[in-house]
Amino acid sequence: MRRAVLSLFTIVAIAEAFSWTGLLIGMFFKYVVVGNEIGVKIFGPIHGALFTAYVVLTLAVAVRNRWHWTTALVGLICSIPPLATLVFERWARRRGLLRERGVAETPEGLPLPSETGGSATHESA
């Protein structure tokens, strides 16, 4: 369950950034190019839903992973500027804030093989 929440946080952080981009492009076309609202009508509700999901997931991950309150606050603030959720997600991942507590991971975020359960192979040179 915890792994699913962490994965969902990453997916929503990326999707929220793309929806922000779509909304900004829609606003550009609405107010600058053609005066057509279709981009805003499409991306507005999508971005609103993803923004809300990002805020809820940020709070859920912060509580589950016992983030310091300032880290959680920065994560929430990053929901406001365009594309900042991408920056925060990458920063949090590099600092180990998006890994399951008590599970060792490789730099790519994959679980390390069990040291006790696997068979060790040694190659001769």
N, C-alpha and C. Protein backbone atom coordinates (compact mmCIF):
# COMPACT_ATOMS: atom_id res chain seq x y z
N MET A 1 0.83 -1.20 0.00
CA MET A 1 0.00 0.00 0.00
C MET A 1 0.87 1.26 0.00
N ARG A 2 1.89 1.24 0.86
CA ARG A 2 2.74 2.42 0.94
C ARG A 2 3.44 2.68 -0.38
N ARG A 3 3.93 1.60 -1.03
CA ARG A 3 4.60 1.74 -2.32
C ARG A 3 3.65 2.33 -3.35
N ALA A 4 2.38 1.95 -3.31
CA ALA A 4 1.39 2.46 -4.26
C ALA A 4 1.19 3.96 -4.06
N VAL A 5 1.17 4.42 -2.82
CA VAL A 5 1.00 5.85 -2.55
C VAL A 5 2.21 6.63 -3.06
N LEU A 6 3.40 6.08 -2.86
CA LEU A 6 4.61 6.76 -3.33
C LEU A 6 4.64 6.82 -4.86
N SER A 7 4.26 5.74 -5.51
CA SER A 7 4.20 5.72 -6.98
C SER A 7 3.15 6.69 -7.49
N LEU A 8 2.00 6.70 -6.84
CA LEU A 8 0.93 7.61 -7.24
C LEU A 8 1.35 9.06 -7.06
N PHE A 9 2.10 9.35 -5.98
CA PHE A 9 2.60 10.71 -5.77
C PHE A 9 3.46 11.14 -6.96
N THR A 10 4.37 10.27 -7.40
CA THR A 10 5.24 10.59 -8.52
C THR A 10 4.44 10.81 -9.80
N ILE A 11 3.50 9.93 -10.07
CA ILE A 11 2.68 10.05 -11.28
C ILE A 11 1.88 11.35 -11.26
N VAL A 12 1.27 11.65 -10.13
CA VAL A 12 0.44 12.86 -10.04
C VAL A 12 1.30 14.11 -10.11
N ALA A 13 2.49 14.10 -9.51
CA ALA A 13 3.38 15.27 -9.58
C ALA A 13 3.75 15.58 -11.03
N ILE A 14 4.03 14.54 -11.80
CA ILE A 14 4.38 14.73 -13.21
C ILE A 14 3.15 15.17 -14.01
N ALA A 15 2.02 14.51 -13.80
CA ALA A 15 0.80 14.85 -14.52
C ALA A 15 0.33 16.27 -14.19
N GLU A 16 0.49 16.69 -12.93
CA GLU A 16 0.09 18.04 -12.54
C GLU A 16 0.92 19.08 -13.30
N ALA A 17 2.20 18.80 -13.47
CA ALA A 17 3.06 19.73 -14.22
C ALA A 17 2.63 19.81 -15.69
N PHE A 18 2.31 18.66 -16.28
CA PHE A 18 1.85 18.67 -17.67
C PHE A 18 0.50 19.37 -17.81
N SER A 19 -0.38 19.19 -16.83
CA SER A 19 -1.68 19.85 -16.91
C SER A 19 -1.52 21.36 -16.76
N TRP A 20 -0.56 21.80 -15.94
CA TRP A 20 -0.27 23.23 -15.81
C TRP A 20 0.17 23.76 -17.16
N THR A 21 1.06 23.02 -17.82
CA THR A 21 1.54 23.44 -19.14
C THR A 21 0.38 23.54 -20.12
N GLY A 22 -0.48 22.53 -20.13
CA GLY A 22 -1.64 22.57 -21.02
C GLY A 22 -2.56 23.74 -20.72
N LEU A 23 -2.76 24.02 -19.44
CA LEU A 23 -3.61 25.15 -19.07
C LEU A 23 -2.98 26.48 -19.50
N LEU A 24 -1.67 26.62 -19.32
CA LEU A 24 -0.99 27.85 -19.74
C LEU A 24 -1.07 28.04 -21.26
N ILE A 25 -0.91 26.95 -22.01
CA ILE A 25 -1.05 27.03 -23.47
C ILE A 25 -2.48 27.40 -23.84
N GLY A 26 -3.45 26.80 -23.17
CA GLY A 26 -4.85 27.14 -23.41
C GLY A 26 -5.15 28.60 -23.12
N MET A 27 -4.56 29.12 -22.04
CA MET A 27 -4.76 30.53 -21.70
C MET A 27 -4.10 31.45 -22.73
N PHE A 28 -2.93 31.03 -23.22
CA PHE A 28 -2.25 31.82 -24.25
C PHE A 28 -3.13 31.93 -25.50
N PHE A 29 -3.68 30.79 -25.92
CA PHE A 29 -4.54 30.82 -27.10
C PHE A 29 -5.83 31.61 -26.83
N LYS A 30 -6.36 31.50 -25.63
CA LYS A 30 -7.60 32.21 -25.30
C LYS A 30 -7.40 33.72 -25.30
N TYR A 31 -6.34 34.18 -24.67
CA TYR A 31 -6.17 35.62 -24.48
C TYR A 31 -5.28 36.30 -25.51
N VAL A 32 -4.44 35.55 -26.22
CA VAL A 32 -3.49 36.19 -27.13
C VAL A 32 -3.77 35.84 -28.59
N VAL A 33 -3.97 34.59 -28.89
CA VAL A 33 -4.00 34.17 -30.28
C VAL A 33 -5.39 34.26 -30.90
N VAL A 34 -6.33 33.45 -30.43
CA VAL A 34 -7.61 33.36 -31.14
C VAL A 34 -8.83 33.72 -30.31
N GLY A 35 -8.70 33.85 -29.03
CA GLY A 35 -9.86 34.14 -28.20
C GLY A 35 -10.77 32.95 -27.99
N ASN A 36 -10.28 31.74 -28.25
CA ASN A 36 -11.07 30.52 -28.10
C ASN A 36 -10.79 29.90 -26.73
N GLU A 37 -11.85 29.51 -26.03
CA GLU A 37 -11.72 28.99 -24.67
C GLU A 37 -11.51 27.48 -24.59
N ILE A 38 -11.45 26.77 -25.69
CA ILE A 38 -11.46 25.31 -25.65
C ILE A 38 -10.30 24.74 -24.82
N GLY A 39 -9.11 25.30 -24.94
CA GLY A 39 -7.97 24.81 -24.18
C GLY A 39 -8.17 24.96 -22.68
N VAL A 40 -8.73 26.08 -22.28
CA VAL A 40 -8.98 26.32 -20.85
C VAL A 40 -10.11 25.42 -20.37
N LYS A 41 -11.13 25.22 -21.19
CA LYS A 41 -12.24 24.34 -20.79
C LYS A 41 -11.77 22.89 -20.63
N ILE A 42 -10.80 22.48 -21.42
CA ILE A 42 -10.30 21.11 -21.32
C ILE A 42 -9.31 20.98 -20.16
N PHE A 43 -8.29 21.83 -20.14
CA PHE A 43 -7.22 21.67 -19.16
C PHE A 43 -7.54 22.25 -17.79
N GLY A 44 -8.49 23.16 -17.70
CA GLY A 44 -8.86 23.73 -16.40
C GLY A 44 -9.32 22.68 -15.39
N PRO A 45 -10.35 21.91 -15.73
CA PRO A 45 -10.80 20.87 -14.79
C PRO A 45 -9.77 19.77 -14.55
N ILE A 46 -9.03 19.42 -15.60
CA ILE A 46 -7.99 18.38 -15.44
C ILE A 46 -6.93 18.88 -14.45
N HIS A 47 -6.49 20.10 -14.65
CA HIS A 47 -5.48 20.66 -13.75
C HIS A 47 -6.03 20.80 -12.33
N GLY A 48 -7.27 21.21 -12.20
CA GLY A 48 -7.88 21.35 -10.88
C GLY A 48 -7.90 20.03 -10.12
N ALA A 49 -8.27 18.96 -10.82
CA ALA A 49 -8.32 17.63 -10.18
C ALA A 49 -6.92 17.15 -9.81
N LEU A 50 -5.95 17.35 -10.72
CA LEU A 50 -4.59 16.91 -10.44
C LEU A 50 -3.94 17.76 -9.34
N PHE A 51 -4.25 19.04 -9.31
CA PHE A 51 -3.75 19.92 -8.24
C PHE A 51 -4.25 19.42 -6.88
N THR A 52 -5.54 19.13 -6.81
CA THR A 52 -6.13 18.63 -5.57
C THR A 52 -5.50 17.29 -5.17
N ALA A 53 -5.35 16.40 -6.14
CA ALA A 53 -4.74 15.09 -5.86
C ALA A 53 -3.30 15.25 -5.38
N TYR A 54 -2.56 16.17 -5.98
CA TYR A 54 -1.17 16.41 -5.57
C TYR A 54 -1.11 16.89 -4.11
N VAL A 55 -1.99 17.81 -3.76
CA VAL A 55 -2.00 18.33 -2.38
C VAL A 55 -2.32 17.20 -1.40
N VAL A 56 -3.34 16.40 -1.70
CA VAL A 56 -3.72 15.30 -0.81
C VAL A 56 -2.59 14.27 -0.71
N LEU A 57 -1.99 13.91 -1.84
CA LEU A 57 -0.91 12.92 -1.83
C LEU A 57 0.35 13.45 -1.14
N THR A 58 0.62 14.74 -1.29
CA THR A 58 1.77 15.33 -0.59
C THR A 58 1.58 15.19 0.91
N LEU A 59 0.39 15.49 1.39
CA LEU A 59 0.11 15.36 2.82
C LEU A 59 0.18 13.89 3.26
N ALA A 60 -0.36 12.99 2.45
CA ALA A 60 -0.34 11.56 2.80
C ALA A 60 1.09 11.03 2.87
N VAL A 61 1.92 11.37 1.88
CA VAL A 61 3.31 10.91 1.88
C VAL A 61 4.09 11.55 3.02
N ALA A 62 3.83 12.82 3.29
CA ALA A 62 4.52 13.51 4.38
C ALA A 62 4.23 12.84 5.72
N VAL A 63 2.99 12.45 5.94
CA VAL A 63 2.62 11.79 7.20
C VAL A 63 3.21 10.39 7.25
N ARG A 64 3.04 9.62 6.19
CA ARG A 64 3.52 8.23 6.17
C ARG A 64 5.04 8.13 6.29
N ASN A 65 5.74 9.05 5.64
CA ASN A 65 7.20 9.01 5.64
C ASN A 65 7.83 9.92 6.69
N ARG A 66 6.99 10.52 7.50
CA ARG A 66 7.43 11.36 8.61
C ARG A 66 8.37 12.49 8.18
N TRP A 67 7.92 13.22 7.14
CA TRP A 67 8.68 14.38 6.69
C TRP A 67 8.63 15.45 7.76
N HIS A 68 9.67 16.25 7.83
CA HIS A 68 9.65 17.45 8.67
C HIS A 68 8.57 18.38 8.10
N TRP A 69 7.96 19.16 8.97
CA TRP A 69 6.84 20.01 8.52
C TRP A 69 7.29 21.00 7.45
N THR A 70 8.54 21.45 7.49
CA THR A 70 9.01 22.41 6.47
C THR A 70 9.11 21.73 5.10
N THR A 71 9.48 20.46 5.08
CA THR A 71 9.54 19.72 3.81
C THR A 71 8.14 19.59 3.23
N ALA A 72 7.18 19.24 4.07
CA ALA A 72 5.79 19.14 3.61
C ALA A 72 5.28 20.48 3.10
N LEU A 73 5.63 21.55 3.80
CA LEU A 73 5.20 22.88 3.38
C LEU A 73 5.79 23.25 2.02
N VAL A 74 7.07 22.95 1.82
CA VAL A 74 7.70 23.22 0.52
C VAL A 74 7.01 22.41 -0.57
N GLY A 75 6.70 21.15 -0.29
CA GLY A 75 5.98 20.33 -1.26
C GLY A 75 4.64 20.92 -1.62
N LEU A 76 3.93 21.44 -0.63
CA LEU A 76 2.64 22.06 -0.90
C LEU A 76 2.79 23.37 -1.67
N ILE A 77 3.77 24.16 -1.32
CA ILE A 77 4.01 25.43 -2.03
C ILE A 77 4.38 25.17 -3.49
N CYS A 78 5.08 24.06 -3.73
CA CYS A 78 5.48 23.72 -5.11
C CYS A 78 4.28 23.38 -6.00
N SER A 79 3.11 23.24 -5.42
CA SER A 79 1.92 22.98 -6.25
C SER A 79 1.45 24.26 -6.95
N ILE A 80 1.97 25.40 -6.56
CA ILE A 80 1.48 26.67 -7.10
C ILE A 80 2.22 27.11 -8.37
N PRO A 81 3.56 27.25 -8.35
CA PRO A 81 4.23 27.69 -9.59
C PRO A 81 4.21 26.58 -10.65
N PRO A 82 4.11 26.96 -11.91
CA PRO A 82 4.12 25.96 -12.98
C PRO A 82 5.39 25.11 -12.95
N LEU A 83 5.22 23.82 -13.08
CA LEU A 83 6.29 22.82 -13.19
C LEU A 83 7.10 22.61 -11.91
N ALA A 84 6.76 23.26 -10.82
CA ALA A 84 7.52 23.11 -9.58
C ALA A 84 7.30 21.75 -8.94
N THR A 85 6.20 21.09 -9.25
CA THR A 85 5.99 19.75 -8.69
C THR A 85 7.03 18.77 -9.23
N LEU A 86 7.47 18.98 -10.48
CA LEU A 86 8.54 18.15 -11.04
C LEU A 86 9.83 18.35 -10.27
N VAL A 87 10.16 19.58 -10.00
CA VAL A 87 11.40 19.91 -9.28
C VAL A 87 11.35 19.31 -7.88
N PHE A 88 10.22 19.47 -7.19
CA PHE A 88 10.11 18.94 -5.83
C PHE A 88 10.18 17.42 -5.82
N GLU A 89 9.51 16.77 -6.75
CA GLU A 89 9.53 15.31 -6.80
C GLU A 89 10.94 14.79 -7.01
N ARG A 90 11.69 15.40 -7.93
CA ARG A 90 13.07 14.97 -8.18
C ARG A 90 13.94 15.23 -6.95
N TRP A 91 13.78 16.38 -6.32
CA TRP A 91 14.55 16.73 -5.13
C TRP A 91 14.26 15.73 -3.99
N ALA A 92 12.98 15.46 -3.77
CA ALA A 92 12.60 14.53 -2.70
C ALA A 92 13.11 13.12 -2.98
N ARG A 93 13.08 12.70 -4.23
CA ARG A 93 13.57 11.36 -4.58
C ARG A 93 15.08 11.27 -4.33
N ARG A 94 15.82 12.28 -4.74
CA ARG A 94 17.28 12.27 -4.54
C ARG A 94 17.66 12.24 -3.06
N ARG A 95 16.84 12.83 -2.24
CA ARG A 95 17.11 12.88 -0.80
C ARG A 95 16.57 11.67 -0.04
N GLY A 96 15.94 10.75 -0.77
CA GLY A 96 15.42 9.55 -0.13
C GLY A 96 14.10 9.73 0.57
N LEU A 97 13.41 10.83 0.31
CA LEU A 97 12.14 11.10 0.97
C LEU A 97 10.98 10.33 0.36
N LEU A 98 11.19 9.72 -0.80
CA LEU A 98 10.12 8.98 -1.47
C LEU A 98 10.38 7.49 -1.47
N ARG A 99 11.12 7.00 -0.51
CA ARG A 99 11.32 5.56 -0.43
C ARG A 99 10.57 5.04 0.77
N GLU A 100 10.22 3.76 0.68
CA GLU A 100 9.54 3.13 1.81
C GLU A 100 10.48 3.11 3.00
N ARG A 101 9.95 3.39 4.14
CA ARG A 101 10.77 3.35 5.35
C ARG A 101 11.23 1.93 5.61
N GLY A 102 12.53 1.77 5.82
CA GLY A 102 13.08 0.46 6.15
C GLY A 102 13.40 -0.41 4.95
N VAL A 103 13.26 0.12 3.71
CA VAL A 103 13.57 -0.65 2.52
C VAL A 103 14.73 0.03 1.82
N ALA A 104 15.84 -0.69 1.68
CA ALA A 104 17.00 -0.15 0.98
C ALA A 104 16.72 -0.16 -0.52
N GLU A 105 17.21 0.89 -1.22
CA GLU A 105 16.97 1.01 -2.65
C GLU A 105 18.25 1.35 -3.38
N THR A 106 18.28 1.03 -4.66
CA THR A 106 19.36 1.46 -5.54
C THR A 106 19.13 2.92 -5.88
N PRO A 107 20.11 3.60 -6.49
CA PRO A 107 19.89 5.00 -6.89
C PRO A 107 18.73 5.18 -7.86
N GLU A 108 18.35 4.12 -8.58
CA GLU A 108 17.22 4.20 -9.52
C GLU A 108 15.88 4.01 -8.83
N GLY A 109 15.90 3.75 -7.51
CA GLY A 109 14.67 3.57 -6.77
C GLY A 109 14.17 2.14 -6.72
N LEU A 110 15.00 1.19 -7.15
CA LEU A 110 14.61 -0.22 -7.12
C LEU A 110 15.05 -0.84 -5.80
N PRO A 111 14.28 -1.78 -5.26
CA PRO A 111 14.69 -2.43 -4.01
C PRO A 111 15.98 -3.21 -4.22
N LEU A 112 16.85 -3.16 -3.23
CA LEU A 112 18.08 -3.94 -3.28
C LEU A 112 17.75 -5.41 -3.07
N PRO A 113 18.50 -6.32 -3.72
CA PRO A 113 18.26 -7.74 -3.49
C PRO A 113 18.54 -8.09 -2.03
N SER A 114 17.81 -9.04 -1.53
CA SER A 114 17.98 -9.46 -0.14
C SER A 114 19.35 -10.08 0.05
N GLU A 115 20.04 -9.67 1.11
CA GLU A 115 21.37 -10.22 1.37
C GLU A 115 21.29 -11.62 1.96
N THR A 116 20.18 -11.97 2.58
CA THR A 116 20.07 -13.27 3.22
C THR A 116 19.35 -14.30 2.37
N GLY A 117 18.48 -13.87 1.48
CA GLY A 117 17.65 -14.81 0.75
C GLY A 117 18.22 -15.30 -0.56
N GLY A 118 19.20 -14.61 -1.11
CA GLY A 118 19.70 -14.98 -2.42
C GLY A 118 20.96 -15.81 -2.34
N SER A 119 21.32 -16.41 -3.44
CA SER A 119 22.56 -17.16 -3.46
C SER A 119 23.65 -16.28 -4.03
N ALA A 120 24.79 -16.34 -3.41
CA ALA A 120 25.92 -15.54 -3.84
C ALA A 120 26.70 -16.31 -4.90
N THR A 121 27.05 -15.63 -5.97
CA THR A 121 27.88 -16.25 -6.98
C THR A 121 29.17 -15.48 -7.07
N HIS A 122 30.26 -16.19 -7.20
CA HIS A 122 31.56 -15.55 -7.32
C HIS A 122 32.19 -16.03 -8.61
N GLU A 123 32.71 -15.10 -9.36
CA GLU A 123 33.36 -15.46 -10.61
C GLU A 123 34.86 -15.48 -10.40
N SER A 124 35.52 -16.42 -11.02
CA SER A 124 36.98 -16.49 -10.96
C SER A 124 37.54 -15.73 -12.14
N ALA A 125 38.63 -15.06 -11.89
CA ALA A 125 39.25 -14.29 -12.97
C ALA A 125 40.18 -15.12 -13.79
